[in-house]
Structures are given as structure tokens and as C-alpha cells.
Amino acid sequence: MRRSALFLLPAATAMTAVSLLAGPAYADSPHFIKNATTATRSGDTLTVSGKEAGLGDELTVTDTLSATALCINGGGHHPHAVNKESVSSSGSFQVRNGFAEFTLSVTATFKPECSPPMTVEFTNVSVTDTTNGITLSIPGTF
């Protein structure tokens, strides 16, 4: 029994050395999880929440929400005047286990105001991870 224990010692030492030299494996494929991303409008404010994955050993990511805000008249049309604006908002979000969750909001402000019966709609909505240079376009009007 003593002889077999001595035989296994070099093999165990070699396996330990290999595992220490290999180091930890990190993900390196940043992407947005599309089905975990939602966009909702409440009044003149658009809020987008979602999740990113494949962030590896990053500590934080910076995300930017961008959209076009339109003032829509009571007939459901956008009068082609100055009541259209680009809006954006950015924030930094902590990465945990290669994932980051984010929530960003933008509020449209028009001069003159977009008051009833007119309403605000958001189009061309996208979220960009400026840390990794990836963008998720969110189709639809909100």
C-alpha cells in the first residue's frame, strides 16, 4: 500500500501544477440578451432594462440608451416641425460573473410642449455598450 501511494504522488503533483499554470478561463464574447431586454414608455419617459453576457473579467460596463422622440398629433401623425429630438442617457453598471444588468431612462422635452391631445412616441431605440462597442437595436415604437 505504501508503494502505490508513492506512485500516485508525482501524478497528483503534476496535475496540480498544470491546473495552476492554466489559470482561470474567462468568457470573451460580449452580447446583449435580446429576450431579457424590455422597453416601456410612461408619459414622456422611455425606460429600457436588460442584461448583457459574455463580459468575462470586466468590472463595469458603460451603456448608452439612444432614441428619437416624436410629438404625435391627435390624428396619429407626426407633424414635420421642430417637435422631434434625439435623446440619450448613459450609465455604468457592475459586472458579476460575466453578466451585467442595466436600466436606463430618457425623457423627451419639447418647446413648445407636446401637450394633449398630442403624445410622445419613441422610435430608433438602441442600447450601446460603449465599453465593448456592441449595439442592440430595439424594434418598434414606444
Foldseek 3Di string as FASTA:
>chain_A
DVVVVVVCVVVVVVVVVVVVVVDDDWFADKDWDVVQWDWDDDFQKIKIKGKIFRQTPDFKWKKKKKWKKFKAALVRHGDPDPRIDIWMDMDIFGDDPRMTIDMDMTGDADVVGSDPVIGMKIAQIKMAGPVVGDMDTDHDID
